[in-house]
Amino acid sequence: MSDSLIVWFAIALALFWSVGAYNRLMRLRSQSILAFATLENFFNQYVSLVKTHFEQADAVHFVPDPDRGDDEFVTAWAGLAAAAEQFNASLKVAHVQPLNGPTMSALKTAYETLHLSWVRLRDLPHDLAGSALPVALQSEWEHVAMQEKAARAEFNRLVASYNEGIEQFPAMWLAWVFGFKPALPL
């Protein structure tokens, strides 16, 4: 066997390996992006719930009465609405770049703020009429939270697979050449 045949065989082998490795990286990337699209749907439901119920609460309950102690309730609702707006803004940016590290870090912070605002509002003391939150909002939020938790776990699993794929020894060269960067889980 001549030396040139061995060289051409090695080149062909490297080329086919490169195409296969690139396709694997792209498949891992697209699976992560699809998982984020599912998760984004649940995140949008949070924003929708807050907007819908905030408008209803604004029409009925948002006349603060210091004698009744409504200031804390109004402040908590306003905090939740502001957190939902910030979360929505971060979500719009993440929609365009779902695997970008700084973008996902900002989304994670906005997500945590939204949930802290929710817990603050939910845990307000009950008055004589019962909970300050509508029962429908609480049950819808819990339903979305349960589904979102499963979708977030799947997204994080796929992001971990993607990150492992771009960090493996030979594939990391292709990741470097094509600009694949590690993604952050939520």
N, C-alpha and C. Protein backbone atom coordinates (compact mmCIF):
# COMPACT_ATOMS: atom_id res chain seq x y z
N MET A 1 0.84 -1.17 0.00
CA MET A 1 0.00 0.00 0.00
C MET A 1 0.89 1.24 0.00
N SER A 2 0.58 2.15 -0.86
CA SER A 2 1.43 3.33 -0.97
C SER A 2 1.11 4.34 0.12
N ASP A 3 2.05 5.22 0.35
CA ASP A 3 1.88 6.24 1.38
C ASP A 3 0.75 7.20 1.04
N SER A 4 0.59 7.52 -0.23
CA SER A 4 -0.47 8.47 -0.61
C SER A 4 -1.86 7.88 -0.35
N LEU A 5 -2.01 6.58 -0.53
CA LEU A 5 -3.29 5.94 -0.26
C LEU A 5 -3.61 6.00 1.24
N ILE A 6 -2.62 5.80 2.07
CA ILE A 6 -2.81 5.89 3.52
C ILE A 6 -3.19 7.31 3.92
N VAL A 7 -2.54 8.29 3.32
CA VAL A 7 -2.84 9.70 3.62
C VAL A 7 -4.27 10.02 3.22
N TRP A 8 -4.67 9.61 2.02
CA TRP A 8 -6.04 9.89 1.55
C TRP A 8 -7.07 9.15 2.41
N PHE A 9 -6.75 7.96 2.84
CA PHE A 9 -7.64 7.23 3.73
C PHE A 9 -7.79 7.96 5.06
N ALA A 10 -6.69 8.47 5.61
CA ALA A 10 -6.74 9.22 6.87
C ALA A 10 -7.53 10.51 6.71
N ILE A 11 -7.37 11.18 5.58
CA ILE A 11 -8.13 12.42 5.32
C ILE A 11 -9.62 12.11 5.23
N ALA A 12 -9.96 11.05 4.51
CA ALA A 12 -11.37 10.67 4.38
C ALA A 12 -11.96 10.30 5.74
N LEU A 13 -11.20 9.55 6.52
CA LEU A 13 -11.66 9.16 7.86
C LEU A 13 -11.88 10.40 8.74
N ALA A 14 -10.94 11.33 8.71
CA ALA A 14 -11.07 12.57 9.50
C ALA A 14 -12.26 13.40 9.03
N LEU A 15 -12.48 13.45 7.72
CA LEU A 15 -13.60 14.21 7.18
C LEU A 15 -14.93 13.60 7.62
N PHE A 16 -15.07 12.29 7.48
CA PHE A 16 -16.32 11.64 7.88
C PHE A 16 -16.55 11.73 9.39
N TRP A 17 -15.47 11.60 10.16
CA TRP A 17 -15.60 11.77 11.60
C TRP A 17 -16.06 13.19 11.93
N SER A 18 -15.48 14.18 11.26
CA SER A 18 -15.84 15.58 11.52
C SER A 18 -17.31 15.84 11.20
N VAL A 19 -17.78 15.32 10.09
CA VAL A 19 -19.19 15.51 9.73
C VAL A 19 -20.09 14.85 10.77
N GLY A 20 -19.75 13.65 11.19
CA GLY A 20 -20.56 12.96 12.20
C GLY A 20 -20.54 13.69 13.54
N ALA A 21 -19.38 14.15 13.95
CA ALA A 21 -19.28 14.88 15.23
C ALA A 21 -20.04 16.20 15.16
N TYR A 22 -19.93 16.89 14.03
CA TYR A 22 -20.67 18.16 13.87
C TYR A 22 -22.18 17.90 13.92
N ASN A 23 -22.63 16.86 13.24
CA ASN A 23 -24.06 16.53 13.27
C ASN A 23 -24.52 16.19 14.69
N ARG A 24 -23.69 15.50 15.45
CA ARG A 24 -24.04 15.18 16.83
C ARG A 24 -24.15 16.46 17.66
N LEU A 25 -23.20 17.36 17.51
CA LEU A 25 -23.26 18.62 18.26
C LEU A 25 -24.50 19.44 17.88
N MET A 26 -24.81 19.46 16.60
CA MET A 26 -26.00 20.20 16.15
C MET A 26 -27.28 19.55 16.68
N ARG A 27 -27.31 18.21 16.73
CA ARG A 27 -28.48 17.52 17.27
C ARG A 27 -28.66 17.83 18.76
N LEU A 28 -27.57 17.80 19.51
CA LEU A 28 -27.64 18.13 20.93
C LEU A 28 -28.09 19.57 21.13
N ARG A 29 -27.59 20.46 20.29
CA ARG A 29 -27.96 21.87 20.38
C ARG A 29 -29.44 22.06 20.07
N SER A 30 -29.91 21.42 19.00
CA SER A 30 -31.32 21.59 18.62
C SER A 30 -32.25 20.96 19.65
N GLN A 31 -31.86 19.85 20.26
CA GLN A 31 -32.68 19.25 21.32
C GLN A 31 -32.80 20.19 22.52
N SER A 32 -31.71 20.85 22.85
CA SER A 32 -31.74 21.81 23.96
C SER A 32 -32.63 22.99 23.63
N ILE A 33 -32.56 23.47 22.41
CA ILE A 33 -33.38 24.61 21.99
C ILE A 33 -34.86 24.23 21.98
N LEU A 34 -35.18 23.02 21.51
CA LEU A 34 -36.57 22.57 21.54
C LEU A 34 -37.09 22.41 22.97
N ALA A 35 -36.24 21.93 23.86
CA ALA A 35 -36.65 21.81 25.26
C ALA A 35 -36.88 23.19 25.87
N PHE A 36 -36.09 24.17 25.45
CA PHE A 36 -36.32 25.53 25.96
C PHE A 36 -37.64 26.08 25.43
N ALA A 37 -37.99 25.75 24.19
CA ALA A 37 -39.26 26.23 23.64
C ALA A 37 -40.44 25.71 24.46
N THR A 38 -40.36 24.46 24.89
CA THR A 38 -41.41 23.90 25.75
C THR A 38 -41.43 24.62 27.10
N LEU A 39 -40.26 24.83 27.66
CA LEU A 39 -40.15 25.53 28.94
C LEU A 39 -40.64 26.97 28.82
N GLU A 40 -40.32 27.60 27.72
CA GLU A 40 -40.74 28.99 27.49
C GLU A 40 -42.27 29.10 27.49
N ASN A 41 -42.94 28.10 26.98
CA ASN A 41 -44.40 28.10 26.99
C ASN A 41 -44.93 28.18 28.43
N PHE A 42 -44.35 27.41 29.33
CA PHE A 42 -44.78 27.45 30.73
C PHE A 42 -44.41 28.78 31.39
N PHE A 43 -43.23 29.29 31.04
CA PHE A 43 -42.84 30.60 31.57
C PHE A 43 -43.81 31.69 31.13
N ASN A 44 -44.25 31.62 29.88
CA ASN A 44 -45.22 32.60 29.39
C ASN A 44 -46.55 32.47 30.12
N GLN A 45 -46.89 31.27 30.55
CA GLN A 45 -48.13 31.08 31.31
C GLN A 45 -48.06 31.79 32.66
N TYR A 46 -46.88 31.80 33.29
CA TYR A 46 -46.72 32.56 34.53
C TYR A 46 -47.03 34.04 34.30
N VAL A 47 -46.42 34.58 33.26
CA VAL A 47 -46.61 36.01 32.95
C VAL A 47 -48.08 36.29 32.66
N SER A 48 -48.70 35.41 31.90
CA SER A 48 -50.12 35.58 31.57
C SER A 48 -51.00 35.53 32.82
N LEU A 49 -50.71 34.60 33.71
CA LEU A 49 -51.48 34.50 34.95
C LEU A 49 -51.38 35.79 35.77
N VAL A 50 -50.18 36.30 35.89
CA VAL A 50 -49.99 37.52 36.68
C VAL A 50 -50.72 38.69 36.03
N LYS A 51 -50.56 38.83 34.71
CA LYS A 51 -51.21 39.96 34.03
C LYS A 51 -52.73 39.88 34.17
N THR A 52 -53.29 38.73 33.93
CA THR A 52 -54.74 38.56 33.99
C THR A 52 -55.28 38.85 35.38
N HIS A 53 -54.68 38.24 36.38
CA HIS A 53 -55.18 38.40 37.74
C HIS A 53 -54.81 39.76 38.33
N PHE A 54 -53.72 40.35 37.87
CA PHE A 54 -53.36 41.69 38.34
C PHE A 54 -54.38 42.71 37.86
N GLU A 55 -54.81 42.57 36.61
CA GLU A 55 -55.84 43.49 36.09
C GLU A 55 -57.14 43.33 36.86
N GLN A 56 -57.51 42.09 37.18
CA GLN A 56 -58.73 41.87 37.96
C GLN A 56 -58.59 42.43 39.37
N ALA A 57 -57.44 42.19 39.99
CA ALA A 57 -57.22 42.70 41.35
C ALA A 57 -57.14 44.22 41.35
N ASP A 58 -56.58 44.78 40.30
CA ASP A 58 -56.47 46.23 40.20
C ASP A 58 -57.86 46.86 40.15
N ALA A 59 -58.76 46.22 39.45
CA ALA A 59 -60.12 46.76 39.32
C ALA A 59 -60.90 46.63 40.63
N VAL A 60 -60.59 45.64 41.44
CA VAL A 60 -61.40 45.37 42.63
C VAL A 60 -60.72 45.80 43.93
N HIS A 61 -59.45 45.44 44.10
CA HIS A 61 -58.82 45.53 45.42
C HIS A 61 -57.81 46.65 45.60
N PHE A 62 -57.42 47.32 44.55
CA PHE A 62 -56.28 48.21 44.69
C PHE A 62 -56.62 49.63 45.12
N VAL A 63 -57.46 49.74 46.09
CA VAL A 63 -57.69 51.02 46.74
C VAL A 63 -57.18 50.84 48.17
N PRO A 64 -55.92 51.20 48.41
CA PRO A 64 -55.35 50.93 49.72
C PRO A 64 -56.11 51.65 50.83
N ASP A 65 -56.35 50.92 51.88
CA ASP A 65 -57.03 51.47 53.05
C ASP A 65 -56.14 51.18 54.25
N PRO A 66 -55.47 52.22 54.79
CA PRO A 66 -54.56 52.00 55.91
C PRO A 66 -55.24 51.38 57.12
N ASP A 67 -56.53 51.62 57.28
CA ASP A 67 -57.24 51.04 58.42
C ASP A 67 -57.37 49.53 58.29
N ARG A 68 -57.42 49.03 57.04
CA ARG A 68 -57.56 47.59 56.82
C ARG A 68 -56.21 46.90 56.69
N GLY A 69 -55.13 47.64 56.54
CA GLY A 69 -53.81 47.03 56.37
C GLY A 69 -53.57 46.52 54.97
N ASP A 70 -54.16 47.16 53.97
CA ASP A 70 -54.02 46.72 52.59
C ASP A 70 -52.68 47.10 51.96
N ASP A 71 -51.91 47.95 52.61
CA ASP A 71 -50.66 48.41 52.00
C ASP A 71 -49.74 47.25 51.66
N GLU A 72 -49.63 46.29 52.54
CA GLU A 72 -48.75 45.14 52.30
C GLU A 72 -49.25 44.31 51.12
N PHE A 73 -50.55 44.13 51.03
CA PHE A 73 -51.14 43.39 49.92
C PHE A 73 -50.89 44.10 48.60
N VAL A 74 -51.13 45.40 48.56
CA VAL A 74 -50.93 46.18 47.34
C VAL A 74 -49.46 46.17 46.94
N THR A 75 -48.59 46.32 47.90
CA THR A 75 -47.15 46.31 47.62
C THR A 75 -46.71 44.95 47.09
N ALA A 76 -47.22 43.88 47.67
CA ALA A 76 -46.86 42.53 47.22
C ALA A 76 -47.36 42.28 45.80
N TRP A 77 -48.60 42.71 45.50
CA TRP A 77 -49.13 42.54 44.15
C TRP A 77 -48.32 43.36 43.15
N ALA A 78 -47.99 44.59 43.51
CA ALA A 78 -47.19 45.44 42.62
C ALA A 78 -45.81 44.83 42.40
N GLY A 79 -45.24 44.24 43.44
CA GLY A 79 -43.95 43.57 43.30
C GLY A 79 -44.02 42.37 42.38
N LEU A 80 -45.10 41.61 42.49
CA LEU A 80 -45.28 40.45 41.61
C LEU A 80 -45.46 40.91 40.17
N ALA A 81 -46.24 41.96 39.96
CA ALA A 81 -46.45 42.47 38.60
C ALA A 81 -45.14 42.99 38.00
N ALA A 82 -44.35 43.70 38.79
CA ALA A 82 -43.06 44.20 38.31
C ALA A 82 -42.10 43.05 38.01
N ALA A 83 -42.09 42.04 38.87
CA ALA A 83 -41.24 40.87 38.64
C ALA A 83 -41.66 40.13 37.37
N ALA A 84 -42.97 40.06 37.13
CA ALA A 84 -43.46 39.40 35.91
C ALA A 84 -43.05 40.18 34.67
N GLU A 85 -43.07 41.50 34.74
CA GLU A 85 -42.64 42.32 33.59
C GLU A 85 -41.15 42.11 33.31
N GLN A 86 -40.34 42.10 34.36
CA GLN A 86 -38.91 41.87 34.19
C GLN A 86 -38.65 40.47 33.66
N PHE A 87 -39.37 39.50 34.17
CA PHE A 87 -39.23 38.12 33.71
C PHE A 87 -39.61 38.02 32.23
N ASN A 88 -40.68 38.70 31.85
CA ASN A 88 -41.12 38.70 30.46
C ASN A 88 -40.05 39.32 29.55
N ALA A 89 -39.43 40.41 29.99
CA ALA A 89 -38.37 41.03 29.20
C ALA A 89 -37.18 40.09 29.05
N SER A 90 -36.78 39.44 30.13
CA SER A 90 -35.67 38.48 30.06
C SER A 90 -36.02 37.29 29.19
N LEU A 91 -37.28 36.88 29.24
CA LEU A 91 -37.74 35.75 28.44
C LEU A 91 -37.69 36.07 26.95
N LYS A 92 -38.01 37.30 26.58
CA LYS A 92 -37.95 37.70 25.17
C LYS A 92 -36.51 37.65 24.65
N VAL A 93 -35.57 38.07 25.47
CA VAL A 93 -34.16 38.01 25.07
C VAL A 93 -33.71 36.55 24.98
N ALA A 94 -34.10 35.74 25.95
CA ALA A 94 -33.72 34.32 25.95
C ALA A 94 -34.35 33.56 24.79
N HIS A 95 -35.49 34.02 24.31
CA HIS A 95 -36.14 33.39 23.16
C HIS A 95 -35.21 33.43 21.94
N VAL A 96 -34.49 34.52 21.79
CA VAL A 96 -33.59 34.69 20.65
C VAL A 96 -32.29 33.91 20.85
N GLN A 97 -31.79 33.86 22.09
CA GLN A 97 -30.52 33.21 22.39
C GLN A 97 -30.68 32.24 23.57
N PRO A 98 -31.36 31.11 23.35
CA PRO A 98 -31.66 30.23 24.49
C PRO A 98 -30.47 29.50 25.10
N LEU A 99 -29.34 29.45 24.42
CA LEU A 99 -28.19 28.75 24.98
C LEU A 99 -27.05 29.70 25.33
N ASN A 100 -27.31 30.99 25.32
CA ASN A 100 -26.31 32.00 25.65
C ASN A 100 -26.18 32.09 27.18
N GLY A 101 -24.97 31.97 27.69
CA GLY A 101 -24.75 31.95 29.13
C GLY A 101 -25.25 33.18 29.87
N PRO A 102 -24.81 34.39 29.50
CA PRO A 102 -25.29 35.58 30.22
C PRO A 102 -26.80 35.79 30.10
N THR A 103 -27.36 35.45 28.96
CA THR A 103 -28.81 35.59 28.78
C THR A 103 -29.55 34.65 29.72
N MET A 104 -29.10 33.42 29.81
CA MET A 104 -29.75 32.46 30.69
C MET A 104 -29.53 32.80 32.17
N SER A 105 -28.40 33.40 32.47
CA SER A 105 -28.15 33.84 33.85
C SER A 105 -29.14 34.94 34.24
N ALA A 106 -29.38 35.88 33.32
CA ALA A 106 -30.36 36.94 33.58
C ALA A 106 -31.76 36.37 33.71
N LEU A 107 -32.09 35.39 32.87
CA LEU A 107 -33.41 34.76 32.94
C LEU A 107 -33.58 34.02 34.27
N LYS A 108 -32.53 33.34 34.70
CA LYS A 108 -32.60 32.61 35.97
C LYS A 108 -32.82 33.58 37.14
N THR A 109 -32.15 34.72 37.12
CA THR A 109 -32.33 35.72 38.17
C THR A 109 -33.75 36.26 38.15
N ALA A 110 -34.27 36.56 36.96
CA ALA A 110 -35.64 37.07 36.84
C ALA A 110 -36.65 36.01 37.29
N TYR A 111 -36.37 34.75 36.98
CA TYR A 111 -37.23 33.64 37.40
C TYR A 111 -37.27 33.54 38.93
N GLU A 112 -36.11 33.61 39.55
CA GLU A 112 -36.05 33.54 41.01
C GLU A 112 -36.77 34.72 41.65
N THR A 113 -36.64 35.91 41.06
CA THR A 113 -37.33 37.09 41.58
C THR A 113 -38.84 36.93 41.47
N LEU A 114 -39.29 36.39 40.34
CA LEU A 114 -40.72 36.16 40.16
C LEU A 114 -41.25 35.20 41.23
N HIS A 115 -40.51 34.14 41.47
CA HIS A 115 -40.98 33.17 42.46
C HIS A 115 -40.90 33.71 43.89
N LEU A 116 -39.91 34.50 44.19
CA LEU A 116 -39.86 35.12 45.52
C LEU A 116 -41.02 36.09 45.71
N SER A 117 -41.36 36.83 44.66
CA SER A 117 -42.50 37.74 44.74
C SER A 117 -43.80 36.97 44.91
N TRP A 118 -43.91 35.83 44.22
CA TRP A 118 -45.09 34.99 44.35
C TRP A 118 -45.23 34.47 45.78
N VAL A 119 -44.13 33.97 46.33
CA VAL A 119 -44.15 33.42 47.69
C VAL A 119 -44.52 34.52 48.69
N ARG A 120 -43.99 35.71 48.48
CA ARG A 120 -44.32 36.82 49.38
C ARG A 120 -45.82 37.11 49.36
N LEU A 121 -46.40 37.16 48.16
CA LEU A 121 -47.83 37.43 48.04
C LEU A 121 -48.66 36.27 48.59
N ARG A 122 -48.26 35.06 48.26
CA ARG A 122 -49.01 33.88 48.69
C ARG A 122 -49.01 33.72 50.21
N ASP A 123 -47.90 34.10 50.84
CA ASP A 123 -47.76 33.89 52.28
C ASP A 123 -48.25 35.05 53.14
N LEU A 124 -48.90 36.02 52.51
CA LEU A 124 -49.48 37.10 53.32
C LEU A 124 -50.52 36.50 54.26
N PRO A 125 -50.66 37.07 55.45
CA PRO A 125 -51.64 36.52 56.39
C PRO A 125 -53.06 36.66 55.85
N HIS A 126 -53.88 35.67 56.15
CA HIS A 126 -55.28 35.69 55.73
C HIS A 126 -56.04 36.70 56.57
N ASP A 127 -57.07 37.26 55.94
CA ASP A 127 -57.96 38.13 56.72
C ASP A 127 -59.24 37.35 57.01
N LEU A 128 -60.26 38.01 57.49
CA LEU A 128 -61.50 37.32 57.84
C LEU A 128 -62.18 36.69 56.63
N ALA A 129 -61.95 37.25 55.46
CA ALA A 129 -62.56 36.72 54.24
C ALA A 129 -61.76 35.56 53.66
N GLY A 130 -60.61 35.27 54.22
CA GLY A 130 -59.80 34.17 53.72
C GLY A 130 -58.51 34.68 53.10
N SER A 131 -58.00 33.93 52.16
CA SER A 131 -56.74 34.27 51.51
C SER A 131 -56.89 35.53 50.67
N ALA A 132 -55.81 36.28 50.60
CA ALA A 132 -55.81 37.50 49.79
C ALA A 132 -55.76 37.17 48.30
N LEU A 133 -55.32 35.99 47.97
CA LEU A 133 -55.22 35.57 46.57
C LEU A 133 -56.45 34.80 46.14
N PRO A 134 -56.87 34.99 44.91
CA PRO A 134 -57.98 34.17 44.41
C PRO A 134 -57.57 32.69 44.37
N VAL A 135 -58.48 31.83 44.71
CA VAL A 135 -58.21 30.39 44.72
C VAL A 135 -57.86 29.91 43.31
N ALA A 136 -58.52 30.48 42.31
CA ALA A 136 -58.24 30.09 40.93
C ALA A 136 -56.79 30.39 40.56
N LEU A 137 -56.29 31.53 40.97
CA LEU A 137 -54.89 31.89 40.67
C LEU A 137 -53.94 30.92 41.36
N GLN A 138 -54.20 30.60 42.60
CA GLN A 138 -53.32 29.68 43.32
C GLN A 138 -53.28 28.30 42.66
N SER A 139 -54.44 27.79 42.29
CA SER A 139 -54.47 26.45 41.69
C SER A 139 -53.85 26.46 40.29
N GLU A 140 -54.10 27.51 39.51
CA GLU A 140 -53.49 27.60 38.18
C GLU A 140 -51.97 27.72 38.30
N TRP A 141 -51.50 28.52 39.23
CA TRP A 141 -50.06 28.70 39.42
C TRP A 141 -49.41 27.37 39.80
N GLU A 142 -50.03 26.64 40.72
CA GLU A 142 -49.47 25.36 41.15
C GLU A 142 -49.46 24.35 40.01
N HIS A 143 -50.49 24.37 39.17
CA HIS A 143 -50.56 23.47 38.02
C HIS A 143 -49.43 23.78 37.04
N VAL A 144 -49.26 25.06 36.72
CA VAL A 144 -48.19 25.46 35.80
C VAL A 144 -46.82 25.15 36.42
N ALA A 145 -46.68 25.39 37.72
CA ALA A 145 -45.40 25.14 38.40
C ALA A 145 -45.00 23.67 38.33
N MET A 146 -45.98 22.79 38.46
CA MET A 146 -45.69 21.36 38.40
C MET A 146 -45.20 20.97 36.99
N GLN A 147 -45.88 21.47 35.97
CA GLN A 147 -45.47 21.17 34.60
C GLN A 147 -44.14 21.83 34.25
N GLU A 148 -43.97 23.06 34.72
CA GLU A 148 -42.74 23.80 34.44
C GLU A 148 -41.54 23.12 35.08
N LYS A 149 -41.73 22.57 36.27
CA LYS A 149 -40.63 21.90 36.96
C LYS A 149 -40.11 20.72 36.15
N ALA A 150 -41.03 19.93 35.60
CA ALA A 150 -40.63 18.78 34.77
C ALA A 150 -39.94 19.25 33.49
N ALA A 151 -40.47 20.29 32.86
CA ALA A 151 -39.87 20.81 31.63
C ALA A 151 -38.49 21.41 31.91
N ARG A 152 -38.34 22.06 33.05
CA ARG A 152 -37.05 22.66 33.41
C ARG A 152 -36.02 21.56 33.67
N ALA A 153 -36.43 20.48 34.31
CA ALA A 153 -35.52 19.36 34.56
C ALA A 153 -35.05 18.74 33.24
N GLU A 154 -35.96 18.60 32.29
CA GLU A 154 -35.59 18.06 30.97
C GLU A 154 -34.64 19.01 30.25
N PHE A 155 -34.93 20.30 30.29
CA PHE A 155 -34.04 21.29 29.67
C PHE A 155 -32.65 21.22 30.29
N ASN A 156 -32.58 21.18 31.61
CA ASN A 156 -31.28 21.12 32.29
C ASN A 156 -30.53 19.84 31.94
N ARG A 157 -31.24 18.73 31.79
CA ARG A 157 -30.60 17.47 31.41
C ARG A 157 -30.01 17.57 30.00
N LEU A 158 -30.77 18.17 29.08
CA LEU A 158 -30.29 18.31 27.70
C LEU A 158 -29.14 19.31 27.60
N VAL A 159 -29.18 20.35 28.40
CA VAL A 159 -28.07 21.31 28.43
C VAL A 159 -26.81 20.63 28.94
N ALA A 160 -26.94 19.78 29.95
CA ALA A 160 -25.79 19.04 30.47
C ALA A 160 -25.22 18.12 29.39
N SER A 161 -26.09 17.46 28.61
CA SER A 161 -25.63 16.60 27.52
C SER A 161 -24.91 17.42 26.45
N TYR A 162 -25.47 18.58 26.12
CA TYR A 162 -24.86 19.47 25.13
C TYR A 162 -23.48 19.92 25.61
N ASN A 163 -23.39 20.32 26.87
CA ASN A 163 -22.11 20.78 27.41
C ASN A 163 -21.09 19.65 27.43
N GLU A 164 -21.52 18.43 27.78
CA GLU A 164 -20.62 17.28 27.74
C GLU A 164 -20.14 17.02 26.32
N GLY A 165 -21.05 17.16 25.36
CA GLY A 165 -20.71 16.92 23.96
C GLY A 165 -19.65 17.88 23.44
N ILE A 166 -19.75 19.14 23.80
CA ILE A 166 -18.76 20.10 23.28
C ILE A 166 -17.46 20.08 24.08
N GLU A 167 -17.44 19.39 25.22
CA GLU A 167 -16.22 19.31 26.02
C GLU A 167 -15.45 18.01 25.78
N GLN A 168 -16.00 17.07 25.02
CA GLN A 168 -15.30 15.83 24.75
C GLN A 168 -14.10 16.11 23.86
N PHE A 169 -13.04 15.31 24.05
CA PHE A 169 -11.76 15.63 23.45
C PHE A 169 -11.79 15.94 21.95
N PRO A 170 -12.11 15.04 21.08
CA PRO A 170 -11.97 15.45 19.68
C PRO A 170 -13.04 16.46 19.25
N ALA A 171 -14.24 16.35 19.82
CA ALA A 171 -15.33 17.24 19.40
C ALA A 171 -15.11 18.67 19.87
N MET A 172 -14.27 18.86 20.88
CA MET A 172 -14.05 20.23 21.36
C MET A 172 -13.33 21.07 20.32
N TRP A 173 -12.58 20.44 19.42
CA TRP A 173 -11.95 21.20 18.34
C TRP A 173 -13.01 21.75 17.40
N LEU A 174 -13.97 20.91 17.05
CA LEU A 174 -15.06 21.38 16.19
C LEU A 174 -15.89 22.44 16.91
N ALA A 175 -16.12 22.25 18.19
CA ALA A 175 -16.88 23.25 18.95
C ALA A 175 -16.14 24.58 18.94
N TRP A 176 -14.83 24.54 19.04
CA TRP A 176 -14.05 25.77 19.01
C TRP A 176 -14.12 26.41 17.62
N VAL A 177 -13.97 25.60 16.58
CA VAL A 177 -14.00 26.12 15.20
C VAL A 177 -15.35 26.75 14.87
N PHE A 178 -16.44 26.09 15.28
CA PHE A 178 -17.77 26.57 14.92
C PHE A 178 -18.39 27.48 15.99
N GLY A 179 -17.67 27.74 17.05
CA GLY A 179 -18.13 28.70 18.05
C GLY A 179 -19.20 28.20 19.00
N PHE A 180 -19.26 26.91 19.25
CA PHE A 180 -20.21 26.39 20.23
C PHE A 180 -19.70 26.74 21.62
N LYS A 181 -20.54 27.36 22.40
CA LYS A 181 -20.18 27.76 23.77
C LYS A 181 -21.03 26.95 24.76
N PRO A 182 -20.49 26.70 25.95
CA PRO A 182 -21.29 25.99 26.96
C PRO A 182 -22.54 26.80 27.33
N ALA A 183 -23.61 26.09 27.58
CA ALA A 183 -24.88 26.72 27.98
C ALA A 183 -25.03 26.60 29.49
N LEU A 184 -25.87 27.46 30.06
CA LEU A 184 -26.14 27.40 31.49
C LEU A 184 -27.51 26.80 31.74
N PRO A 185 -27.60 25.91 32.71
CA PRO A 185 -28.92 25.37 33.07
C PRO A 185 -29.72 26.39 33.87
N LEU A 186 -31.00 26.13 33.98
CA LEU A 186 -31.86 27.02 34.78
C LEU A 186 -32.13 26.41 36.13
